[in-house]
Amino acid sequence: MSEPPSDLFRSWVHSYEEDHEDVRVYRPDSHPFPPARGRRGMEFAPDGTFVDHPLGRGDAPDAVPGRWRLVSDRHMALTFGGARPDRELEILRCDEDVLYVRRLTG
């Protein structure tokens, strides 16, 4: 993968019920999730911008802007300019229905 898959560029929501071992599963925000107190998420844009959506006060989603860049095949670096710790992800699978990632750092 010399460039991220085009299906990556959207808003993804953590489907923690589907996580397995060290793999985190994300679904498009249009997915019919079961009820939950709150869900984390993230958004990737083709221009290299990234928005992390951690849980904020009262389990409401927050928004932390950052940038993404492809380090190597399937390996992505996310930077936040000091707003939060940087991290690295490995993209294991990405299509229109699901995103599987493994956190390498952070």
C-alpha atoms as a PDB file:
ATOM      1  CA  MET A   1       0.000   0.000   0.000  1.00  0.00           C
ATOM      2  CA  SER A   2       1.978   3.020  -1.217  1.00  0.00           C
ATOM      3  CA  GLU A   3      -1.032   5.246  -0.517  1.00  0.00           C
ATOM      4  CA  PRO A   4      -3.867   4.755   1.935  1.00  0.00           C
ATOM      5  CA  PRO A   5      -6.966   3.078   0.512  1.00  0.00           C
ATOM      6  CA  SER A   6      -9.554   5.580  -0.720  1.00  0.00           C
ATOM      7  CA  ASP A   7     -12.147   4.009   1.610  1.00  0.00           C
ATOM      8  CA  LEU A   8     -10.125   5.349   4.567  1.00  0.00           C
ATOM      9  CA  PHE A   9     -11.231   8.927   3.924  1.00  0.00           C
ATOM     10  CA  ARG A  10     -14.343   9.225   6.056  1.00  0.00           C
ATOM     11  CA  SER A  11     -15.503   9.320   9.642  1.00  0.00           C
ATOM     12  CA  TRP A  12     -14.973   6.059  11.568  1.00  0.00           C
ATOM     13  CA  VAL A  13     -16.535   5.037  14.881  1.00  0.00           C
ATOM     14  CA  HIS A  14     -14.999   2.484  17.253  1.00  0.00           C
ATOM     15  CA  SER A  15     -17.001  -0.738  17.251  1.00  0.00           C
ATOM     16  CA  TYR A  16     -15.404  -1.992  20.457  1.00  0.00           C
ATOM     17  CA  GLU A  17     -17.734  -4.999  20.619  1.00  0.00           C
ATOM     18  CA  GLU A  18     -15.875  -6.398  17.602  1.00  0.00           C
ATOM     19  CA  ASP A  19     -12.317  -5.795  18.887  1.00  0.00           C
ATOM     20  CA  HIS A  20     -10.189  -8.908  19.114  1.00  0.00           C
ATOM     21  CA  GLU A  21      -6.714  -9.429  20.548  1.00  0.00           C
ATOM     22  CA  ASP A  22      -4.844  -6.188  19.782  1.00  0.00           C
ATOM     23  CA  VAL A  23      -7.009  -5.256  16.762  1.00  0.00           C
ATOM     24  CA  ARG A  24      -9.416  -2.333  17.017  1.00  0.00           C
ATOM     25  CA  VAL A  25     -12.435  -2.376  14.750  1.00  0.00           C
ATOM     26  CA  TYR A  26     -14.046   0.770  13.340  1.00  0.00           C
ATOM     27  CA  ARG A  27     -17.194   1.156  11.262  1.00  0.00           C
ATOM     28  CA  PRO A  28     -18.498   4.107   9.217  1.00  0.00           C
ATOM     29  CA  ASP A  29     -20.540   6.537  11.287  1.00  0.00           C
ATOM     30  CA  SER A  30     -23.661   5.407   9.375  1.00  0.00           C
ATOM     31  CA  HIS A  31     -23.343   1.859  10.798  1.00  0.00           C
ATOM     32  CA  PRO A  32     -26.269   0.739  13.028  1.00  0.00           C
ATOM     33  CA  PHE A  33     -24.362   0.455  16.317  1.00  0.00           C
ATOM     34  CA  PRO A  34     -25.972  -0.999  19.422  1.00  0.00           C
ATOM     35  CA  PRO A  35     -26.612   1.495  22.240  1.00  0.00           C
ATOM     36  CA  ALA A  36     -23.521   2.621  24.152  1.00  0.00           C
ATOM     37  CA  ARG A  37     -22.672   5.365  26.650  1.00  0.00           C
ATOM     38  CA  GLY A  38     -20.273   6.856  24.154  1.00  0.00           C
ATOM     39  CA  ARG A  39     -18.035   5.877  21.277  1.00  0.00           C
ATOM     40  CA  ARG A  40     -14.636   7.084  20.202  1.00  0.00           C
ATOM     41  CA  GLY A  41     -13.958   7.789  16.570  1.00  0.00           C
ATOM     42  CA  MET A  42     -11.612   9.308  14.036  1.00  0.00           C
ATOM     43  CA  GLU A  43     -11.720  11.007  10.646  1.00  0.00           C
ATOM     44  CA  PHE A  44      -9.174  10.895   7.840  1.00  0.00           C
ATOM     45  CA  ALA A  45      -9.098  13.390   4.953  1.00  0.00           C
ATOM     46  CA  PRO A  46      -7.098  13.006   1.716  1.00  0.00           C
ATOM     47  CA  ASP A  47      -5.195  16.262   2.404  1.00  0.00           C
ATOM     48  CA  GLY A  48      -3.418  14.723   5.424  1.00  0.00           C
ATOM     49  CA  THR A  49      -5.703  16.146   8.090  1.00  0.00           C
ATOM     50  CA  PHE A  50      -7.011  13.953  10.857  1.00  0.00           C
ATOM     51  CA  VAL A  51      -9.500  14.432  13.686  1.00  0.00           C
ATOM     52  CA  ASP A  52      -9.459  12.198  16.733  1.00  0.00           C
ATOM     53  CA  HIS A  53     -12.753  11.896  18.596  1.00  0.00           C
ATOM     54  CA  PRO A  54     -12.001  10.752  22.149  1.00  0.00           C
ATOM     55  CA  LEU A  55     -14.713  10.679  24.771  1.00  0.00           C
ATOM     56  CA  GLY A  56     -15.035  14.008  26.524  1.00  0.00           C
ATOM     57  CA  ARG A  57     -17.043  15.133  29.528  1.00  0.00           C
ATOM     58  CA  GLY A  58     -20.204  13.159  30.115  1.00  0.00           C
ATOM     59  CA  ASP A  59     -19.149  10.603  27.475  1.00  0.00           C
ATOM     60  CA  ALA A  60     -19.770  13.160  24.720  1.00  0.00           C
ATOM     61  CA  PRO A  61     -17.346  12.949  21.782  1.00  0.00           C
ATOM     62  CA  ASP A  62     -14.586  15.532  21.679  1.00  0.00           C
ATOM     63  CA  ALA A  63     -12.540  16.631  18.643  1.00  0.00           C
ATOM     64  CA  VAL A  64      -8.732  16.861  18.551  1.00  0.00           C
ATOM     65  CA  PRO A  65      -7.285  17.944  15.171  1.00  0.00           C
ATOM     66  CA  GLY A  66      -4.091  16.415  13.871  1.00  0.00           C
ATOM     67  CA  ARG A  67      -2.306  15.156  10.772  1.00  0.00           C
ATOM     68  CA  TRP A  68      -1.671  11.730   9.308  1.00  0.00           C
ATOM     69  CA  ARG A  69       1.155  10.539   7.099  1.00  0.00           C
ATOM     70  CA  LEU A  70       2.012   7.161   5.674  1.00  0.00           C
ATOM     71  CA  VAL A  71       5.355   5.989   7.093  1.00  0.00           C
ATOM     72  CA  SER A  72       5.569   2.746   5.149  1.00  0.00           C
ATOM     73  CA  ASP A  73       3.323   0.075   3.784  1.00  0.00           C
ATOM     74  CA  ARG A  74       0.269  -0.075   6.129  1.00  0.00           C
ATOM     75  CA  HIS A  75       2.062   1.999   8.802  1.00  0.00           C
ATOM     76  CA  MET A  76       0.590   5.435   9.572  1.00  0.00           C
ATOM     77  CA  ALA A  77       1.813   8.182  11.908  1.00  0.00           C
ATOM     78  CA  LEU A  78      -0.703  10.494  13.593  1.00  0.00           C
ATOM     79  CA  THR A  79       0.570  13.793  15.008  1.00  0.00           C
ATOM     80  CA  PHE A  80      -1.286  16.326  17.153  1.00  0.00           C
ATOM     81  CA  GLY A  81       1.159  19.216  17.546  1.00  0.00           C
ATOM     82  CA  GLY A  82       1.457  18.728  21.301  1.00  0.00           C
ATOM     83  CA  ALA A  83      -2.315  18.711  21.918  1.00  0.00           C
ATOM     84  CA  ARG A  84      -2.021  15.012  22.825  1.00  0.00           C
ATOM     85  CA  PRO A  85       0.641  12.303  22.384  1.00  0.00           C
ATOM     86  CA  ASP A  86       1.417  11.271  18.835  1.00  0.00           C
ATOM     87  CA  ARG A  87       0.736   7.664  17.878  1.00  0.00           C
ATOM     88  CA  GLU A  88       1.249   5.131  15.126  1.00  0.00           C
ATOM     89  CA  LEU A  89      -1.216   2.705  13.591  1.00  0.00           C
ATOM     90  CA  GLU A  90      -0.976  -0.293  11.339  1.00  0.00           C
ATOM     91  CA  ILE A  91      -3.876  -0.595   8.890  1.00  0.00           C
ATOM     92  CA  LEU A  92      -4.776  -4.266   8.703  1.00  0.00           C
ATOM     93  CA  ARG A  93      -7.930  -3.981   6.614  1.00  0.00           C
ATOM     94  CA  CYS A  94      -9.866  -1.091   5.144  1.00  0.00           C
ATOM     95  CA  ASP A  95     -12.893  -1.191   2.878  1.00  0.00           C
ATOM     96  CA  GLU A  96     -16.211   0.634   2.695  1.00  0.00           C
ATOM     97  CA  ASP A  97     -17.647  -1.346   5.636  1.00  0.00           C
ATOM     98  CA  VAL A  98     -14.819  -1.801   8.131  1.00  0.00           C
ATOM     99  CA  LEU A  99     -11.427  -0.529   9.282  1.00  0.00           C
ATOM    100  CA  TYR A 100      -9.133  -2.828  11.310  1.00  0.00           C
ATOM    101  CA  VAL A 101      -6.142  -1.149  12.951  1.00  0.00           C
ATOM    102  CA  ARG A 102      -3.449  -2.117  15.407  1.00  0.00           C
ATOM    103  CA  ARG A 103      -1.955   0.587  17.599  1.00  0.00           C
ATOM    104  CA  LEU A 104       1.834   0.462  17.396  1.00  0.00           C
ATOM    105  CA  THR A 105       2.380   3.335  19.857  1.00  0.00           C
ATOM    106  CA  GLY A 106       0.297   5.724  21.919  1.00  0.00           C
END
